[in-house]
Amino acid sequence: MFDGHTINDKTLIERCFENAKKAIGNTSPNPYVGSVIVKDGLIIADGFHKKSGQPHAEIEAMRSANQDLTGATLYCNLEPCCHSHKKTPPCTDAIIEAGIKKVVISNLDPNPAVAGKGIEQLKEAGIEVETGVLKDEGEKLNEVFLLISQKDVPLFI
């Protein structure tokens, strides 16, 4: 349990949203992303993407865990990236290498370089993936990013 709530997928994705909100105004042109890692029924790590060009939420959470992540479940509000044409390495590679067994995601990343490919890569590595948890809330959190990504228009905010 945390904060008086039972640990379940919805409460953990809500925690991802709260983590992500810590970076509001600092990540443009990237989305707001938070992450939580659970192992043996306990929350062992939190992370969020702090600024464009810095490690993504999943990497921040994995680094803060300070323990073996084999068999853990990673929660994040946006599909982990899988492409290397950016300032940071692919999160999917790190998730696979860490031995994480399950990833729970709120929203798919509309970026054509990711767009389901991150999930596909995780599944091919034998990781269970669940998507769509609190999808509407996740879309609201990142509505500007999602709109710009779908319209293929540069974001200047």
C-alpha atoms as a PDB file:
ATOM      1  CA  MET A   1       0.000   0.000   0.000  1.00  0.00           C
ATOM      2  CA  PHE A   2       1.050   3.614  -0.476  1.00  0.00           C
ATOM      3  CA  ASP A   3      -0.637   6.808   0.663  1.00  0.00           C
ATOM      4  CA  GLY A   4      -3.561   4.775   2.005  1.00  0.00           C
ATOM      5  CA  HIS A   5      -4.340   3.255  -1.409  1.00  0.00           C
ATOM      6  CA  THR A   6      -4.101  -0.327  -2.540  1.00  0.00           C
ATOM      7  CA  ILE A   7      -1.373  -0.908  -5.100  1.00  0.00           C
ATOM      8  CA  ASN A   8      -2.950  -1.733  -8.456  1.00  0.00           C
ATOM      9  CA  ASP A   9      -2.349  -0.765 -12.061  1.00  0.00           C
ATOM     10  CA  LYS A  10      -4.576   2.322 -11.903  1.00  0.00           C
ATOM     11  CA  THR A  11      -3.073   3.749  -8.723  1.00  0.00           C
ATOM     12  CA  LEU A  12       0.425   3.140 -10.054  1.00  0.00           C
ATOM     13  CA  ILE A  13      -0.310   4.855 -13.364  1.00  0.00           C
ATOM     14  CA  GLU A  14      -1.787   7.742 -11.353  1.00  0.00           C
ATOM     15  CA  ARG A  15       1.531   7.874  -9.511  1.00  0.00           C
ATOM     16  CA  CYS A  16       3.270   8.007 -12.908  1.00  0.00           C
ATOM     17  CA  PHE A  17       1.108  11.028 -13.781  1.00  0.00           C
ATOM     18  CA  GLU A  18       2.087  12.719 -10.502  1.00  0.00           C
ATOM     19  CA  ASN A  19       5.752  12.028 -11.206  1.00  0.00           C
ATOM     20  CA  ALA A  20       5.391  13.362 -14.755  1.00  0.00           C
ATOM     21  CA  LYS A  21       3.769  16.591 -13.551  1.00  0.00           C
ATOM     22  CA  LYS A  22       6.954  17.445 -11.649  1.00  0.00           C
ATOM     23  CA  ALA A  23       8.486  18.434 -15.006  1.00  0.00           C
ATOM     24  CA  ILE A  24       5.661  20.570 -16.394  1.00  0.00           C
ATOM     25  CA  GLY A  25       7.194  23.388 -18.413  1.00  0.00           C
ATOM     26  CA  ASN A  26      10.638  21.777 -18.647  1.00  0.00           C
ATOM     27  CA  THR A  27      10.483  18.981 -21.224  1.00  0.00           C
ATOM     28  CA  SER A  28       9.440  20.636 -24.500  1.00  0.00           C
ATOM     29  CA  PRO A  29       9.397  19.318 -27.170  1.00  0.00           C
ATOM     30  CA  ASN A  30       9.155  16.032 -25.256  1.00  0.00           C
ATOM     31  CA  PRO A  31       6.067  14.792 -23.391  1.00  0.00           C
ATOM     32  CA  TYR A  32       5.537  14.599 -19.636  1.00  0.00           C
ATOM     33  CA  VAL A  33       6.449  11.092 -18.547  1.00  0.00           C
ATOM     34  CA  GLY A  34       6.645   9.485 -15.131  1.00  0.00           C
ATOM     35  CA  SER A  35       7.589   5.965 -14.130  1.00  0.00           C
ATOM     36  CA  VAL A  36       7.230   3.642 -11.142  1.00  0.00           C
ATOM     37  CA  ILE A  37       8.873   0.261 -10.543  1.00  0.00           C
ATOM     38  CA  VAL A  38       7.311  -2.433  -8.369  1.00  0.00           C
ATOM     39  CA  LYS A  39       8.978  -5.641  -7.209  1.00  0.00           C
ATOM     40  CA  ASP A  40       7.581  -8.264  -4.856  1.00  0.00           C
ATOM     41  CA  GLY A  41       4.532  -6.081  -4.233  1.00  0.00           C
ATOM     42  CA  LEU A  42       6.540  -3.046  -3.139  1.00  0.00           C
ATOM     43  CA  ILE A  43       7.266   0.230  -4.887  1.00  0.00           C
ATOM     44  CA  ILE A  44      11.037   0.313  -5.214  1.00  0.00           C
ATOM     45  CA  ALA A  45      11.562   3.322  -7.490  1.00  0.00           C
ATOM     46  CA  ASP A  46      10.069   6.437  -9.042  1.00  0.00           C
ATOM     47  CA  GLY A  47      11.325   8.578 -11.882  1.00  0.00           C
ATOM     48  CA  PHE A  48      10.331  11.294 -14.307  1.00  0.00           C
ATOM     49  CA  HIS A  49      11.737  12.889 -17.441  1.00  0.00           C
ATOM     50  CA  LYS A  50      13.154  16.159 -16.128  1.00  0.00           C
ATOM     51  CA  LYS A  51      14.280  17.950 -19.276  1.00  0.00           C
ATOM     52  CA  SER A  52      14.768  17.374 -22.992  1.00  0.00           C
ATOM     53  CA  GLY A  53      18.076  15.630 -23.624  1.00  0.00           C
ATOM     54  CA  GLN A  54      18.215  14.129 -20.137  1.00  0.00           C
ATOM     55  CA  PRO A  55      17.413  10.495 -19.227  1.00  0.00           C
ATOM     56  CA  HIS A  56      13.818   9.444 -19.702  1.00  0.00           C
ATOM     57  CA  ALA A  57      11.498   8.547 -16.813  1.00  0.00           C
ATOM     58  CA  GLU A  58      12.092   4.803 -17.136  1.00  0.00           C
ATOM     59  CA  ILE A  59      15.865   5.238 -16.923  1.00  0.00           C
ATOM     60  CA  GLU A  60      15.555   7.635 -13.967  1.00  0.00           C
ATOM     61  CA  ALA A  61      13.416   5.080 -12.111  1.00  0.00           C
ATOM     62  CA  MET A  62      15.737   2.175 -12.909  1.00  0.00           C
ATOM     63  CA  ARG A  63      18.767   4.154 -11.719  1.00  0.00           C
ATOM     64  CA  SER A  64      17.046   5.137  -8.471  1.00  0.00           C
ATOM     65  CA  ALA A  65      16.054   1.545  -7.646  1.00  0.00           C
ATOM     66  CA  ASN A  66      19.552   0.613  -6.443  1.00  0.00           C
ATOM     67  CA  GLN A  67      18.706  -3.088  -6.608  1.00  0.00           C
ATOM     68  CA  ASP A  68      18.303  -5.948  -9.042  1.00  0.00           C
ATOM     69  CA  LEU A  69      15.272  -5.341 -11.255  1.00  0.00           C
ATOM     70  CA  THR A  70      14.904  -8.917 -12.485  1.00  0.00           C
ATOM     71  CA  GLY A  71      11.220  -9.833 -12.336  1.00  0.00           C
ATOM     72  CA  ALA A  72      10.031  -6.297 -11.574  1.00  0.00           C
ATOM     73  CA  THR A  73       7.109  -4.469 -13.185  1.00  0.00           C
ATOM     74  CA  LEU A  74       7.689  -1.052 -14.704  1.00  0.00           C
ATOM     75  CA  TYR A  75       4.829   1.430 -15.031  1.00  0.00           C
ATOM     76  CA  CYS A  76       4.987   4.462 -17.289  1.00  0.00           C
ATOM     77  CA  ASN A  77       2.401   6.766 -18.745  1.00  0.00           C
ATOM     78  CA  LEU A  78       3.854   6.717 -22.270  1.00  0.00           C
ATOM     79  CA  GLU A  79       5.225   3.877 -24.385  1.00  0.00           C
ATOM     80  CA  PRO A  80       8.987   3.494 -23.860  1.00  0.00           C
ATOM     81  CA  CYS A  81      11.094   4.770 -26.739  1.00  0.00           C
ATOM     82  CA  CYS A  82      12.907   2.302 -28.969  1.00  0.00           C
ATOM     83  CA  HIS A  83      14.779   4.492 -31.432  1.00  0.00           C
ATOM     84  CA  SER A  84      18.307   5.829 -31.296  1.00  0.00           C
ATOM     85  CA  HIS A  85      17.948   8.955 -33.450  1.00  0.00           C
ATOM     86  CA  LYS A  86      17.854  11.261 -30.437  1.00  0.00           C
ATOM     87  CA  LYS A  87      19.968  12.513 -27.538  1.00  0.00           C
ATOM     88  CA  THR A  88      19.204   9.553 -25.258  1.00  0.00           C
ATOM     89  CA  PRO A  89      19.538   5.792 -25.866  1.00  0.00           C
ATOM     90  CA  PRO A  90      16.423   3.613 -26.323  1.00  0.00           C
ATOM     91  CA  CYS A  91      14.579   2.899 -23.068  1.00  0.00           C
ATOM     92  CA  THR A  92      13.409  -0.473 -24.383  1.00  0.00           C
ATOM     93  CA  ASP A  93      16.992  -1.749 -24.527  1.00  0.00           C
ATOM     94  CA  ALA A  94      17.581  -0.806 -20.885  1.00  0.00           C
ATOM     95  CA  ILE A  95      14.267  -2.362 -19.784  1.00  0.00           C
ATOM     96  CA  ILE A  96      15.139  -5.642 -21.514  1.00  0.00           C
ATOM     97  CA  GLU A  97      18.707  -5.671 -20.137  1.00  0.00           C
ATOM     98  CA  ALA A  98      17.397  -5.026 -16.596  1.00  0.00           C
ATOM     99  CA  GLY A  99      15.294  -8.202 -16.643  1.00  0.00           C
ATOM    100  CA  ILE A 100      11.989  -6.431 -16.095  1.00  0.00           C
ATOM    101  CA  LYS A 101       9.167  -8.944 -16.646  1.00  0.00           C
ATOM    102  CA  LYS A 102       6.176  -6.656 -17.226  1.00  0.00           C
ATOM    103  CA  VAL A 103       5.529  -3.118 -18.461  1.00  0.00           C
ATOM    104  CA  VAL A 104       2.219  -1.320 -17.881  1.00  0.00           C
ATOM    105  CA  ILE A 105       1.560   1.747 -20.050  1.00  0.00           C
ATOM    106  CA  SER A 106      -1.153   4.368 -20.218  1.00  0.00           C
ATOM    107  CA  ASN A 107      -0.643   5.703 -23.767  1.00  0.00           C
ATOM    108  CA  LEU A 108       1.099   4.681 -26.954  1.00  0.00           C
ATOM    109  CA  ASP A 109       3.650   7.129 -28.318  1.00  0.00           C
ATOM    110  CA  PRO A 110       2.367   8.679 -31.576  1.00  0.00           C
ATOM    111  CA  ASN A 111       5.912   9.487 -32.712  1.00  0.00           C
ATOM    112  CA  PRO A 112       6.356   7.449 -35.935  1.00  0.00           C
ATOM    113  CA  ALA A 113       9.805   6.345 -34.714  1.00  0.00           C
ATOM    114  CA  VAL A 114       8.080   4.605 -31.784  1.00  0.00           C
ATOM    115  CA  ALA A 115       4.302   4.171 -32.429  1.00  0.00           C
ATOM    116  CA  GLY A 116       3.894   0.610 -31.184  1.00  0.00           C
ATOM    117  CA  LYS A 117       7.430  -0.453 -32.037  1.00  0.00           C
ATOM    118  CA  GLY A 118       8.545  -0.071 -28.414  1.00  0.00           C
ATOM    119  CA  ILE A 119       5.803  -2.418 -27.273  1.00  0.00           C
ATOM    120  CA  GLU A 120       6.629  -4.853 -30.057  1.00  0.00           C
ATOM    121  CA  GLN A 121      10.309  -4.905 -29.073  1.00  0.00           C
ATOM    122  CA  LEU A 122       9.435  -5.562 -25.417  1.00  0.00           C
ATOM    123  CA  LYS A 123       7.047  -8.391 -26.323  1.00  0.00           C
ATOM    124  CA  GLU A 124       9.633  -9.955 -28.641  1.00  0.00           C
ATOM    125  CA  ALA A 125      11.990 -10.032 -25.637  1.00  0.00           C
ATOM    126  CA  GLY A 126       9.385 -11.970 -23.639  1.00  0.00           C
ATOM    127  CA  ILE A 127       8.158  -9.046 -21.554  1.00  0.00           C
ATOM    128  CA  GLU A 128       4.446  -8.894 -20.797  1.00  0.00           C
ATOM    129  CA  VAL A 129       2.985  -5.547 -21.863  1.00  0.00           C
ATOM    130  CA  GLU A 130      -0.341  -4.007 -20.872  1.00  0.00           C
ATOM    131  CA  THR A 131      -1.553  -0.762 -22.429  1.00  0.00           C
ATOM    132  CA  GLY A 132      -4.460   1.646 -22.091  1.00  0.00           C
ATOM    133  CA  VAL A 133      -4.525   1.979 -18.290  1.00  0.00           C
ATOM    134  CA  LEU A 134      -6.158   5.384 -17.618  1.00  0.00           C
ATOM    135  CA  LYS A 135      -5.711   6.185 -21.304  1.00  0.00           C
ATOM    136  CA  ASP A 136      -7.999   9.244 -21.279  1.00  0.00           C
ATOM    137  CA  GLU A 137      -6.221  10.798 -18.299  1.00  0.00           C
ATOM    138  CA  GLY A 138      -2.866  10.182 -19.948  1.00  0.00           C
ATOM    139  CA  GLU A 139      -4.035  11.832 -23.149  1.00  0.00           C
ATOM    140  CA  LYS A 140      -5.161  14.869 -21.184  1.00  0.00           C
ATOM    141  CA  LEU A 141      -1.787  15.189 -19.433  1.00  0.00           C
ATOM    142  CA  ASN A 142       0.055  15.173 -22.775  1.00  0.00           C
ATOM    143  CA  GLU A 143      -2.642  16.671 -25.000  1.00  0.00           C
ATOM    144  CA  VAL A 144      -0.353  19.302 -26.551  1.00  0.00           C
ATOM    145  CA  PHE A 145       2.401  16.757 -27.304  1.00  0.00           C
ATOM    146  CA  LEU A 146      -0.120  14.301 -28.763  1.00  0.00           C
ATOM    147  CA  LEU A 147      -1.776  16.965 -30.898  1.00  0.00           C
ATOM    148  CA  ILE A 148       1.531  18.235 -32.256  1.00  0.00           C
ATOM    149  CA  SER A 149       2.760  14.674 -32.898  1.00  0.00           C
ATOM    150  CA  GLN A 150      -0.382  13.795 -34.840  1.00  0.00           C
ATOM    151  CA  LYS A 151      -0.281  17.008 -36.898  1.00  0.00           C
ATOM    152  CA  ASP A 152       3.500  16.793 -37.469  1.00  0.00           C
ATOM    153  CA  VAL A 153       3.911  20.451 -36.514  1.00  0.00           C
ATOM    154  CA  PRO A 154       6.880  21.708 -34.490  1.00  0.00           C
ATOM    155  CA  LEU A 155       6.066  22.594 -30.904  1.00  0.00           C
ATOM    156  CA  PHE A 156       7.269  25.963 -29.624  1.00  0.00           C
ATOM    157  CA  ILE A 157       6.158  26.600 -26.052  1.00  0.00           C
END
